[in-house]
């Protein structure tokens, strides 16, 4: 057997082992409630360190009620633990970028996001579109629905869009809490900025009320002084800066990834996301994974708190769908 074939068989066997291990979970696990508990614990921990720290889960809007429907019973402990909700593909991007999302999805997610706003939790929505007329429609229609939106012209979230030339709802007001924001920038991939300084200077020249950024530019973390600079809009007023963090998947390009996991994965690591190379499903209710995320020396959230971010933006909150399916 040649080396190439041998490596393929080893990788295939490893993936099958991971998948089978994840399928052997206890059928009695309430995957949605485990995600709620994870976020509640994370929120309580962060707000003990900083009472004003903001927690925003992306997707997984169904967690707001016991049934996942807008007419269900509100899960009060969960809604009290978060400060806003965020939804991707609201009007554009569900099937493909710049293409309208299906009407039933729009109706369903609009009803859920509106439920959050009735509880004084702002709804941030992201549409993936690049045609100017669709960008205009995204901003005006989401605003009409009471949501704060961002039209991302690149799915990789790696640029500051050139259209519109100024953020929708641009203003000179100081932004001290998330209820004050009128717009935001979602830029978590700095690949188009050669240096961290270039990234910071480019973003500092904008007037967005809220920034959603990654902790790292390549492997170099943002510092407290750099965060402080980013917290000032170009017009001189204050804005908020949130840090992106995935809690429903492990990423093999993050500082916490151990090379040994490639051959001997921990019990909580599952199969690779077929749509995003290097991202792996995780048993997010496992304590070992949760300790990587928060509450231990060097944990991801602890690094974010230490860096001086105003809050955290949680991705892959809808990971419960993977295990339910």
C-alpha atoms as a PDB file:
ATOM      1  CA  UNK A   1       0.000   0.000   0.000  1.00  0.00           C
ATOM      2  CA  UNK A   2       1.464   3.382  -0.968  1.00  0.00           C
ATOM      3  CA  UNK A   3       1.792   6.199   1.572  1.00  0.00           C
ATOM      4  CA  UNK A   4      -0.898   8.368  -0.041  1.00  0.00           C
ATOM      5  CA  UNK A   5      -3.514   5.611   0.088  1.00  0.00           C
ATOM      6  CA  UNK A   6      -2.530   4.768   3.647  1.00  0.00           C
ATOM      7  CA  UNK A   7      -3.020   8.389   4.736  1.00  0.00           C
ATOM      8  CA  UNK A   8      -6.450   8.519   3.060  1.00  0.00           C
ATOM      9  CA  UNK A   9      -7.556   5.367   4.867  1.00  0.00           C
ATOM     10  CA  UNK A  10      -6.325   6.683   8.215  1.00  0.00           C
ATOM     11  CA  UNK A  11      -8.158   9.999   7.778  1.00  0.00           C
ATOM     12  CA  UNK A  12     -11.333   8.232   6.605  1.00  0.00           C
ATOM     13  CA  UNK A  13     -11.240   5.874   9.574  1.00  0.00           C
ATOM     14  CA  UNK A  14     -10.744   8.804  11.938  1.00  0.00           C
ATOM     15  CA  UNK A  15     -13.709  10.704  10.472  1.00  0.00           C
ATOM     16  CA  UNK A  16     -15.959   7.631  10.691  1.00  0.00           C
ATOM     17  CA  UNK A  17     -14.888   7.115  14.306  1.00  0.00           C
ATOM     18  CA  UNK A  18     -15.661  10.750  15.133  1.00  0.00           C
ATOM     19  CA  UNK A  19     -19.060  10.602  13.447  1.00  0.00           C
ATOM     20  CA  UNK A  20     -20.062   7.341  15.117  1.00  0.00           C
ATOM     21  CA  UNK A  21     -18.966   8.662  18.518  1.00  0.00           C
ATOM     22  CA  UNK A  22     -21.163  11.729  18.059  1.00  0.00           C
ATOM     23  CA  UNK A  23     -24.122   9.583  17.014  1.00  0.00           C
ATOM     24  CA  UNK A  24     -23.929   7.561  20.235  1.00  0.00           C
ATOM     25  CA  UNK A  25     -25.098  10.456  22.386  1.00  0.00           C
ATOM     26  CA  UNK A  26     -27.807   9.883  24.962  1.00  0.00           C
ATOM     27  CA  UNK A  27     -31.178  10.342  23.262  1.00  0.00           C
ATOM     28  CA  UNK A  28     -32.418  12.130  26.369  1.00  0.00           C
ATOM     29  CA  UNK A  29     -30.128  15.135  25.870  1.00  0.00           C
ATOM     30  CA  UNK A  30     -32.058  18.325  25.202  1.00  0.00           C
ATOM     31  CA  UNK A  31     -29.627  19.888  22.741  1.00  0.00           C
ATOM     32  CA  UNK A  32     -31.369  23.255  22.694  1.00  0.00           C
ATOM     33  CA  UNK A  33     -31.480  23.542  26.443  1.00  0.00           C
ATOM     34  CA  UNK A  34     -27.808  22.566  26.667  1.00  0.00           C
ATOM     35  CA  UNK A  35     -26.981  25.484  24.365  1.00  0.00           C
ATOM     36  CA  UNK A  36     -29.089  27.809  26.516  1.00  0.00           C
ATOM     37  CA  UNK A  37     -27.276  26.621  29.626  1.00  0.00           C
ATOM     38  CA  UNK A  38     -23.904  27.123  27.954  1.00  0.00           C
ATOM     39  CA  UNK A  39     -24.721  30.708  26.980  1.00  0.00           C
ATOM     40  CA  UNK A  40     -26.289  31.521  30.350  1.00  0.00           C
ATOM     41  CA  UNK A  41     -23.199  30.262  32.181  1.00  0.00           C
ATOM     42  CA  UNK A  42     -20.901  32.144  29.836  1.00  0.00           C
ATOM     43  CA  UNK A  43     -22.944  35.326  30.259  1.00  0.00           C
ATOM     44  CA  UNK A  44     -23.064  35.138  34.051  1.00  0.00           C
ATOM     45  CA  UNK A  45     -19.309  34.579  34.163  1.00  0.00           C
ATOM     46  CA  UNK A  46     -18.486  37.518  31.885  1.00  0.00           C
ATOM     47  CA  UNK A  47     -20.837  39.917  33.655  1.00  0.00           C
ATOM     48  CA  UNK A  48     -19.232  39.047  36.993  1.00  0.00           C
ATOM     49  CA  UNK A  49     -16.000  40.367  35.518  1.00  0.00           C
ATOM     50  CA  UNK A  50     -17.673  43.337  33.805  1.00  0.00           C
ATOM     51  CA  UNK A  51     -21.360  44.100  34.529  1.00  0.00           C
ATOM     52  CA  UNK A  52     -21.620  46.084  31.270  1.00  0.00           C
ATOM     53  CA  UNK A  53     -20.213  43.274  29.116  1.00  0.00           C
ATOM     54  CA  UNK A  54     -22.445  42.562  26.110  1.00  0.00           C
ATOM     55  CA  UNK A  55     -23.401  39.045  24.988  1.00  0.00           C
ATOM     56  CA  UNK A  56     -24.903  38.587  21.506  1.00  0.00           C
ATOM     57  CA  UNK A  57     -25.672  35.097  20.132  1.00  0.00           C
ATOM     58  CA  UNK A  58     -25.818  34.730  16.340  1.00  0.00           C
ATOM     59  CA  UNK A  59     -28.559  32.518  14.839  1.00  0.00           C
ATOM     60  CA  UNK A  60     -30.418  29.944  16.938  1.00  0.00           C
ATOM     61  CA  UNK A  61     -33.322  32.361  17.473  1.00  0.00           C
ATOM     62  CA  UNK A  62     -35.523  29.379  18.353  1.00  0.00           C
ATOM     63  CA  UNK A  63     -33.894  29.267  21.800  1.00  0.00           C
ATOM     64  CA  UNK A  64     -36.099  32.147  22.960  1.00  0.00           C
ATOM     65  CA  UNK A  65     -39.106  29.860  23.555  1.00  0.00           C
ATOM     66  CA  UNK A  66     -39.705  26.335  24.784  1.00  0.00           C
ATOM     67  CA  UNK A  67     -41.106  25.259  21.399  1.00  0.00           C
ATOM     68  CA  UNK A  68     -38.873  27.289  19.088  1.00  0.00           C
ATOM     69  CA  UNK A  69     -41.961  29.066  17.772  1.00  0.00           C
ATOM     70  CA  UNK A  70     -42.870  32.713  18.336  1.00  0.00           C
ATOM     71  CA  UNK A  71     -46.037  31.693  20.200  1.00  0.00           C
ATOM     72  CA  UNK A  72     -44.169  29.485  22.679  1.00  0.00           C
ATOM     73  CA  UNK A  73     -43.335  30.208  26.300  1.00  0.00           C
ATOM     74  CA  UNK A  74     -40.447  32.654  26.730  1.00  0.00           C
ATOM     75  CA  UNK A  75     -37.333  31.116  28.283  1.00  0.00           C
ATOM     76  CA  UNK A  76     -36.822  33.976  30.716  1.00  0.00           C
ATOM     77  CA  UNK A  77     -33.423  32.955  32.102  1.00  0.00           C
ATOM     78  CA  UNK A  78     -32.019  32.792  28.586  1.00  0.00           C
ATOM     79  CA  UNK A  79     -33.437  36.112  27.415  1.00  0.00           C
ATOM     80  CA  UNK A  80     -32.184  37.812  30.574  1.00  0.00           C
ATOM     81  CA  UNK A  81     -28.661  36.486  29.986  1.00  0.00           C
ATOM     82  CA  UNK A  82     -28.235  38.018  26.533  1.00  0.00           C
ATOM     83  CA  UNK A  83     -28.232  41.625  25.312  1.00  0.00           C
ATOM     84  CA  UNK A  84     -29.314  41.190  21.681  1.00  0.00           C
ATOM     85  CA  UNK A  85     -29.804  38.559  18.999  1.00  0.00           C
ATOM     86  CA  UNK A  86     -28.199  38.328  15.543  1.00  0.00           C
ATOM     87  CA  UNK A  87     -29.518  36.612  12.427  1.00  0.00           C
ATOM     88  CA  UNK A  88     -27.780  35.827   9.151  1.00  0.00           C
ATOM     89  CA  UNK A  89     -29.458  35.597   5.713  1.00  0.00           C
ATOM     90  CA  UNK A  90     -32.610  37.381   6.824  1.00  0.00           C
ATOM     91  CA  UNK A  91     -33.565  38.748   3.389  1.00  0.00           C
ATOM     92  CA  UNK A  92     -30.651  37.655   1.184  1.00  0.00           C
ATOM     93  CA  UNK A  93     -28.187  34.801   1.267  1.00  0.00           C
ATOM     94  CA  UNK A  94     -30.088  31.760   2.544  1.00  0.00           C
ATOM     95  CA  UNK A  95     -29.453  29.778  -0.651  1.00  0.00           C
ATOM     96  CA  UNK A  96     -26.808  31.927  -2.299  1.00  0.00           C
ATOM     97  CA  UNK A  97     -25.314  35.392  -1.961  1.00  0.00           C
ATOM     98  CA  UNK A  98     -27.325  38.204  -3.554  1.00  0.00           C
ATOM     99  CA  UNK A  99     -30.336  35.882  -3.899  1.00  0.00           C
ATOM    100  CA  UNK A 100     -33.554  36.404  -1.914  1.00  0.00           C
ATOM    101  CA  UNK A 101     -34.100  34.160   1.074  1.00  0.00           C
ATOM    102  CA  UNK A 102     -37.280  32.006   0.947  1.00  0.00           C
ATOM    103  CA  UNK A 103     -40.426  33.794   2.069  1.00  0.00           C
ATOM    104  CA  UNK A 104     -41.333  31.216   4.726  1.00  0.00           C
ATOM    105  CA  UNK A 105     -37.874  31.572   6.294  1.00  0.00           C
ATOM    106  CA  UNK A 106     -38.165  35.374   6.261  1.00  0.00           C
ATOM    107  CA  UNK A 107     -41.592  35.216   7.876  1.00  0.00           C
ATOM    108  CA  UNK A 108     -40.471  32.740  10.540  1.00  0.00           C
ATOM    109  CA  UNK A 109     -37.281  34.581  11.462  1.00  0.00           C
ATOM    110  CA  UNK A 110     -38.970  37.972  11.399  1.00  0.00           C
ATOM    111  CA  UNK A 111     -41.518  36.719  13.928  1.00  0.00           C
ATOM    112  CA  UNK A 112     -38.796  35.338  16.200  1.00  0.00           C
ATOM    113  CA  UNK A 113     -36.519  38.383  15.952  1.00  0.00           C
ATOM    114  CA  UNK A 114     -39.505  40.636  16.627  1.00  0.00           C
ATOM    115  CA  UNK A 115     -40.145  38.647  19.784  1.00  0.00           C
ATOM    116  CA  UNK A 116     -36.639  39.526  20.973  1.00  0.00           C
ATOM    117  CA  UNK A 117     -37.254  43.217  20.337  1.00  0.00           C
ATOM    118  CA  UNK A 118     -40.429  43.114  22.433  1.00  0.00           C
ATOM    119  CA  UNK A 119     -38.161  42.034  25.297  1.00  0.00           C
ATOM    120  CA  UNK A 120     -35.910  45.055  24.613  1.00  0.00           C
ATOM    121  CA  UNK A 121     -33.228  42.924  22.990  1.00  0.00           C
ATOM    122  CA  UNK A 122     -32.156  44.498  19.659  1.00  0.00           C
ATOM    123  CA  UNK A 123     -32.129  42.286  16.584  1.00  0.00           C
ATOM    124  CA  UNK A 124     -29.004  42.573  14.418  1.00  0.00           C
ATOM    125  CA  UNK A 125     -29.445  41.040  10.983  1.00  0.00           C
ATOM    126  CA  UNK A 126     -26.935  40.291   8.249  1.00  0.00           C
ATOM    127  CA  UNK A 127     -27.815  40.000   4.584  1.00  0.00           C
ATOM    128  CA  UNK A 128     -25.316  38.714   2.048  1.00  0.00           C
ATOM    129  CA  UNK A 129     -25.865  40.799  -1.078  1.00  0.00           C
ATOM    130  CA  UNK A 130     -23.825  42.995  -3.397  1.00  0.00           C
ATOM    131  CA  UNK A 131     -26.238  44.543  -5.906  1.00  0.00           C
ATOM    132  CA  UNK A 132     -26.815  48.191  -4.829  1.00  0.00           C
ATOM    133  CA  UNK A 133     -30.601  47.969  -5.195  1.00  0.00           C
ATOM    134  CA  UNK A 134     -30.680  44.860  -3.000  1.00  0.00           C
ATOM    135  CA  UNK A 135     -28.402  46.501  -0.446  1.00  0.00           C
ATOM    136  CA  UNK A 136     -30.791  49.473  -0.319  1.00  0.00           C
ATOM    137  CA  UNK A 137     -33.766  47.159   0.084  1.00  0.00           C
ATOM    138  CA  UNK A 138     -32.007  45.224   2.850  1.00  0.00           C
ATOM    139  CA  UNK A 139     -31.371  48.343   4.907  1.00  0.00           C
ATOM    140  CA  UNK A 140     -34.796  49.939   4.417  1.00  0.00           C
ATOM    141  CA  UNK A 141     -36.850  46.760   4.886  1.00  0.00           C
ATOM    142  CA  UNK A 142     -34.953  45.619   7.961  1.00  0.00           C
ATOM    143  CA  UNK A 143     -35.256  49.105   9.412  1.00  0.00           C
ATOM    144  CA  UNK A 144     -39.003  49.002   8.741  1.00  0.00           C
ATOM    145  CA  UNK A 145     -39.182  45.758  10.688  1.00  0.00           C
ATOM    146  CA  UNK A 146     -37.372  47.322  13.625  1.00  0.00           C
ATOM    147  CA  UNK A 147     -34.062  45.554  13.035  1.00  0.00           C
ATOM    148  CA  UNK A 148     -30.491  46.880  12.730  1.00  0.00           C
ATOM    149  CA  UNK A 149     -28.841  45.488   9.637  1.00  0.00           C
ATOM    150  CA  UNK A 150     -25.564  45.053   7.801  1.00  0.00           C
ATOM    151  CA  UNK A 151     -25.362  44.201   4.096  1.00  0.00           C
ATOM    152  CA  UNK A 152     -22.232  42.093   3.659  1.00  0.00           C
ATOM    153  CA  UNK A 153     -20.954  42.135   0.100  1.00  0.00           C
ATOM    154  CA  UNK A 154     -18.524  39.283   0.840  1.00  0.00           C
ATOM    155  CA  UNK A 155     -19.528  36.049   2.588  1.00  0.00           C
ATOM    156  CA  UNK A 156     -16.027  35.838   4.083  1.00  0.00           C
ATOM    157  CA  UNK A 157     -16.625  39.131   5.922  1.00  0.00           C
ATOM    158  CA  UNK A 158     -13.230  40.395   4.869  1.00  0.00           C
ATOM    159  CA  UNK A 159     -13.881  43.955   3.649  1.00  0.00           C
ATOM    160  CA  UNK A 160     -15.402  47.275   4.611  1.00  0.00           C
ATOM    161  CA  UNK A 161     -18.170  47.638   2.002  1.00  0.00           C
ATOM    162  CA  UNK A 162     -17.775  50.631  -0.303  1.00  0.00           C
ATOM    163  CA  UNK A 163     -21.542  50.891  -0.757  1.00  0.00           C
ATOM    164  CA  UNK A 164     -23.249  52.727   0.772  1.00  0.00           C
ATOM    165  CA  UNK A 165     -20.447  55.283   1.235  1.00  0.00           C
ATOM    166  CA  UNK A 166     -21.668  56.058   4.776  1.00  0.00           C
ATOM    167  CA  UNK A 167     -23.267  53.612   7.212  1.00  0.00           C
ATOM    168  CA  UNK A 168     -27.069  53.477   7.109  1.00  0.00           C
ATOM    169  CA  UNK A 169     -28.303  55.724   9.923  1.00  0.00           C
ATOM    170  CA  UNK A 170     -24.897  57.339  10.416  1.00  0.00           C
ATOM    171  CA  UNK A 171     -24.846  59.635  13.461  1.00  0.00           C
ATOM    172  CA  UNK A 172     -22.573  61.619  15.778  1.00  0.00           C
ATOM    173  CA  UNK A 173     -23.992  60.212  19.013  1.00  0.00           C
ATOM    174  CA  UNK A 174     -21.928  58.429  21.666  1.00  0.00           C
ATOM    175  CA  UNK A 175     -22.846  54.730  21.770  1.00  0.00           C
ATOM    176  CA  UNK A 176     -22.658  53.432  25.327  1.00  0.00           C
ATOM    177  CA  UNK A 177     -24.960  50.422  25.096  1.00  0.00           C
ATOM    178  CA  UNK A 178     -26.220  48.191  22.335  1.00  0.00           C
ATOM    179  CA  UNK A 179     -29.718  49.683  22.440  1.00  0.00           C
ATOM    180  CA  UNK A 180     -28.226  52.921  21.042  1.00  0.00           C
ATOM    181  CA  UNK A 181     -26.761  51.521  17.834  1.00  0.00           C
ATOM    182  CA  UNK A 182     -28.161  52.410  14.398  1.00  0.00           C
ATOM    183  CA  UNK A 183     -25.690  50.380  12.303  1.00  0.00           C
ATOM    184  CA  UNK A 184     -22.737  48.010  12.543  1.00  0.00           C
ATOM    185  CA  UNK A 185     -19.749  46.586  10.680  1.00  0.00           C
ATOM    186  CA  UNK A 186     -19.142  42.838  10.614  1.00  0.00           C
ATOM    187  CA  UNK A 187     -15.493  42.197   9.664  1.00  0.00           C
ATOM    188  CA  UNK A 188     -13.884  39.106  11.148  1.00  0.00           C
ATOM    189  CA  UNK A 189     -11.460  38.117   8.404  1.00  0.00           C
ATOM    190  CA  UNK A 190      -8.484  40.442   8.052  1.00  0.00           C
ATOM    191  CA  UNK A 191      -6.915  38.675   5.075  1.00  0.00           C
ATOM    192  CA  UNK A 192      -7.172  41.786   2.866  1.00  0.00           C
ATOM    193  CA  UNK A 193      -5.214  43.900   5.355  1.00  0.00           C
ATOM    194  CA  UNK A 194      -1.491  43.200   5.252  1.00  0.00           C
ATOM    195  CA  UNK A 195      -0.836  44.354   8.812  1.00  0.00           C
ATOM    196  CA  UNK A 196      -2.832  44.762  11.969  1.00  0.00           C
ATOM    197  CA  UNK A 197      -2.098  48.481  11.863  1.00  0.00           C
ATOM    198  CA  UNK A 198      -3.608  48.768   8.399  1.00  0.00           C
ATOM    199  CA  UNK A 199      -6.727  46.979   9.608  1.00  0.00           C
ATOM    200  CA  UNK A 200      -7.065  49.279  12.633  1.00  0.00           C
ATOM    201  CA  UNK A 201      -6.512  52.455  10.633  1.00  0.00           C
ATOM    202  CA  UNK A 202      -9.025  51.439   7.967  1.00  0.00           C
ATOM    203  CA  UNK A 203     -11.734  50.653  10.503  1.00  0.00           C
ATOM    204  CA  UNK A 204     -10.935  53.751  12.579  1.00  0.00           C
ATOM    205  CA  UNK A 205     -11.729  55.874   9.528  1.00  0.00           C
ATOM    206  CA  UNK A 206     -15.381  54.736   9.613  1.00  0.00           C
ATOM    207  CA  UNK A 207     -18.426  55.911  11.560  1.00  0.00           C
ATOM    208  CA  UNK A 208     -20.126  52.608  12.352  1.00  0.00           C
ATOM    209  CA  UNK A 209     -21.790  52.499  15.776  1.00  0.00           C
ATOM    210  CA  UNK A 210     -20.748  48.903  16.447  1.00  0.00           C
ATOM    211  CA  UNK A 211     -17.848  46.766  15.263  1.00  0.00           C
ATOM    212  CA  UNK A 212     -17.777  42.975  15.252  1.00  0.00           C
ATOM    213  CA  UNK A 213     -14.145  41.902  14.928  1.00  0.00           C
ATOM    214  CA  UNK A 214     -11.961  38.894  15.544  1.00  0.00           C
ATOM    215  CA  UNK A 215      -9.573  38.853  18.487  1.00  0.00           C
ATOM    216  CA  UNK A 216      -6.713  38.095  16.112  1.00  0.00           C
ATOM    217  CA  UNK A 217      -5.289  39.534  12.920  1.00  0.00           C
ATOM    218  CA  UNK A 218      -3.739  36.353  11.610  1.00  0.00           C
ATOM    219  CA  UNK A 219      -2.025  35.121  14.819  1.00  0.00           C
ATOM    220  CA  UNK A 220      -1.538  38.532  16.442  1.00  0.00           C
ATOM    221  CA  UNK A 221      -4.114  39.502  19.070  1.00  0.00           C
ATOM    222  CA  UNK A 222      -5.568  42.977  19.377  1.00  0.00           C
ATOM    223  CA  UNK A 223      -4.296  44.825  22.468  1.00  0.00           C
ATOM    224  CA  UNK A 224      -6.270  46.943  24.967  1.00  0.00           C
ATOM    225  CA  UNK A 225      -4.797  50.151  23.500  1.00  0.00           C
ATOM    226  CA  UNK A 226      -5.811  49.079  19.994  1.00  0.00           C
ATOM    227  CA  UNK A 227      -9.316  48.259  21.153  1.00  0.00           C
ATOM    228  CA  UNK A 228      -9.509  51.695  22.796  1.00  0.00           C
ATOM    229  CA  UNK A 229      -8.619  53.305  19.475  1.00  0.00           C
ATOM    230  CA  UNK A 230     -11.249  51.276  17.650  1.00  0.00           C
ATOM    231  CA  UNK A 231     -13.857  52.365  20.196  1.00  0.00           C
ATOM    232  CA  UNK A 232     -13.736  55.870  18.728  1.00  0.00           C
ATOM    233  CA  UNK A 233     -15.561  56.649  15.492  1.00  0.00           C
ATOM    234  CA  UNK A 234     -13.922  58.858  12.877  1.00  0.00           C
ATOM    235  CA  UNK A 235     -16.236  61.679  13.947  1.00  0.00           C
ATOM    236  CA  UNK A 236     -14.883  61.445  17.507  1.00  0.00           C
ATOM    237  CA  UNK A 237     -17.877  59.865  19.210  1.00  0.00           C
ATOM    238  CA  UNK A 238     -17.810  56.574  21.167  1.00  0.00           C
ATOM    239  CA  UNK A 239     -18.766  53.226  19.695  1.00  0.00           C
ATOM    240  CA  UNK A 240     -18.878  49.599  20.813  1.00  0.00           C
ATOM    241  CA  UNK A 241     -16.504  46.809  19.792  1.00  0.00           C
ATOM    242  CA  UNK A 242     -17.575  43.167  20.100  1.00  0.00           C
ATOM    243  CA  UNK A 243     -15.332  40.151  19.630  1.00  0.00           C
ATOM    244  CA  UNK A 244     -16.360  37.207  17.461  1.00  0.00           C
ATOM    245  CA  UNK A 245     -16.096  33.767  19.098  1.00  0.00           C
ATOM    246  CA  UNK A 246     -17.411  30.437  17.846  1.00  0.00           C
ATOM    247  CA  UNK A 247     -18.855  28.267  20.599  1.00  0.00           C
ATOM    248  CA  UNK A 248     -20.558  25.558  18.536  1.00  0.00           C
ATOM    249  CA  UNK A 249     -17.518  24.492  16.532  1.00  0.00           C
ATOM    250  CA  UNK A 250     -13.800  24.099  17.128  1.00  0.00           C
ATOM    251  CA  UNK A 251     -11.456  25.744  14.621  1.00  0.00           C
ATOM    252  CA  UNK A 252      -8.115  24.104  13.882  1.00  0.00           C
ATOM    253  CA  UNK A 253      -6.471  27.478  13.167  1.00  0.00           C
ATOM    254  CA  UNK A 254      -7.122  28.815  16.685  1.00  0.00           C
ATOM    255  CA  UNK A 255      -4.513  29.060  19.419  1.00  0.00           C
ATOM    256  CA  UNK A 256      -6.240  26.393  21.530  1.00  0.00           C
ATOM    257  CA  UNK A 257      -6.031  23.650  18.874  1.00  0.00           C
ATOM    258  CA  UNK A 258      -3.622  20.856  19.810  1.00  0.00           C
ATOM    259  CA  UNK A 259      -1.861  18.915  17.068  1.00  0.00           C
ATOM    260  CA  UNK A 260      -2.493  15.670  18.915  1.00  0.00           C
ATOM    261  CA  UNK A 261      -6.216  16.082  18.238  1.00  0.00           C
ATOM    262  CA  UNK A 262      -5.588  15.274  14.570  1.00  0.00           C
ATOM    263  CA  UNK A 263      -4.779  11.680  15.483  1.00  0.00           C
ATOM    264  CA  UNK A 264      -6.296  11.359  18.940  1.00  0.00           C
ATOM    265  CA  UNK A 265      -9.331  13.661  19.148  1.00  0.00           C
ATOM    266  CA  UNK A 266     -10.863  14.497  22.540  1.00  0.00           C
ATOM    267  CA  UNK A 267     -14.255  12.974  23.347  1.00  0.00           C
ATOM    268  CA  UNK A 268     -16.121  16.192  22.518  1.00  0.00           C
ATOM    269  CA  UNK A 269     -14.695  16.685  19.001  1.00  0.00           C
ATOM    270  CA  UNK A 270     -16.884  15.542  16.107  1.00  0.00           C
ATOM    271  CA  UNK A 271     -16.725  15.614  12.311  1.00  0.00           C
ATOM    272  CA  UNK A 272     -15.490  18.455  10.139  1.00  0.00           C
ATOM    273  CA  UNK A 273     -17.989  20.946   8.761  1.00  0.00           C
ATOM    274  CA  UNK A 274     -18.232  20.060   5.068  1.00  0.00           C
ATOM    275  CA  UNK A 275     -18.872  23.707   4.154  1.00  0.00           C
ATOM    276  CA  UNK A 276     -16.049  25.272   6.202  1.00  0.00           C
ATOM    277  CA  UNK A 277     -12.697  23.498   6.138  1.00  0.00           C
ATOM    278  CA  UNK A 278     -10.927  23.394   9.484  1.00  0.00           C
ATOM    279  CA  UNK A 279     -14.144  23.802  11.501  1.00  0.00           C
ATOM    280  CA  UNK A 280     -15.291  20.836  13.580  1.00  0.00           C
ATOM    281  CA  UNK A 281     -18.602  20.156  15.293  1.00  0.00           C
ATOM    282  CA  UNK A 282     -18.286  19.860  19.068  1.00  0.00           C
ATOM    283  CA  UNK A 283     -20.329  18.476  21.928  1.00  0.00           C
ATOM    284  CA  UNK A 284     -20.757  21.967  23.304  1.00  0.00           C
ATOM    285  CA  UNK A 285     -22.256  20.718  26.565  1.00  0.00           C
ATOM    286  CA  UNK A 286     -19.017  18.919  27.447  1.00  0.00           C
ATOM    287  CA  UNK A 287     -17.172  20.592  30.320  1.00  0.00           C
ATOM    288  CA  UNK A 288     -13.775  20.223  28.665  1.00  0.00           C
ATOM    289  CA  UNK A 289     -14.953  22.217  25.642  1.00  0.00           C
ATOM    290  CA  UNK A 290     -16.646  24.812  27.825  1.00  0.00           C
ATOM    291  CA  UNK A 291     -13.448  25.300  29.809  1.00  0.00           C
ATOM    292  CA  UNK A 292     -11.638  26.086  26.563  1.00  0.00           C
ATOM    293  CA  UNK A 293     -14.246  28.782  25.962  1.00  0.00           C
ATOM    294  CA  UNK A 294     -14.433  30.406  29.407  1.00  0.00           C
ATOM    295  CA  UNK A 295     -13.516  30.289  33.065  1.00  0.00           C
ATOM    296  CA  UNK A 296      -9.932  28.997  32.960  1.00  0.00           C
ATOM    297  CA  UNK A 297      -6.511  30.545  32.489  1.00  0.00           C
ATOM    298  CA  UNK A 298      -6.082  31.293  28.817  1.00  0.00           C
ATOM    299  CA  UNK A 299      -9.717  30.503  27.949  1.00  0.00           C
ATOM    300  CA  UNK A 300     -11.024  32.286  24.868  1.00  0.00           C
ATOM    301  CA  UNK A 301     -13.561  34.518  26.616  1.00  0.00           C
ATOM    302  CA  UNK A 302     -11.066  35.389  29.322  1.00  0.00           C
ATOM    303  CA  UNK A 303      -8.683  36.653  26.652  1.00  0.00           C
ATOM    304  CA  UNK A 304     -11.468  38.739  25.144  1.00  0.00           C
ATOM    305  CA  UNK A 305     -12.296  40.260  28.520  1.00  0.00           C
ATOM    306  CA  UNK A 306      -8.646  41.029  29.190  1.00  0.00           C
ATOM    307  CA  UNK A 307      -8.266  42.710  25.792  1.00  0.00           C
ATOM    308  CA  UNK A 308     -10.936  45.257  26.705  1.00  0.00           C
ATOM    309  CA  UNK A 309     -13.725  44.434  24.252  1.00  0.00           C
ATOM    310  CA  UNK A 310     -17.198  45.731  25.072  1.00  0.00           C
ATOM    311  CA  UNK A 311     -18.699  42.313  24.550  1.00  0.00           C
ATOM    312  CA  UNK A 312     -18.707  39.010  22.717  1.00  0.00           C
ATOM    313  CA  UNK A 313     -20.472  37.886  19.553  1.00  0.00           C
ATOM    314  CA  UNK A 314     -21.233  34.158  19.731  1.00  0.00           C
ATOM    315  CA  UNK A 315     -21.322  32.116  16.545  1.00  0.00           C
ATOM    316  CA  UNK A 316     -22.640  28.613  15.843  1.00  0.00           C
ATOM    317  CA  UNK A 317     -25.306  28.976  18.500  1.00  0.00           C
ATOM    318  CA  UNK A 318     -27.503  26.920  16.173  1.00  0.00           C
ATOM    319  CA  UNK A 319     -25.155  23.910  16.510  1.00  0.00           C
ATOM    320  CA  UNK A 320     -28.033  22.124  18.237  1.00  0.00           C
ATOM    321  CA  UNK A 321     -29.515  21.552  14.753  1.00  0.00           C
ATOM    322  CA  UNK A 322     -26.585  19.299  13.839  1.00  0.00           C
ATOM    323  CA  UNK A 323     -27.264  16.977  16.754  1.00  0.00           C
ATOM    324  CA  UNK A 324     -31.043  17.072  16.389  1.00  0.00           C
ATOM    325  CA  UNK A 325     -30.716  15.986  12.766  1.00  0.00           C
END
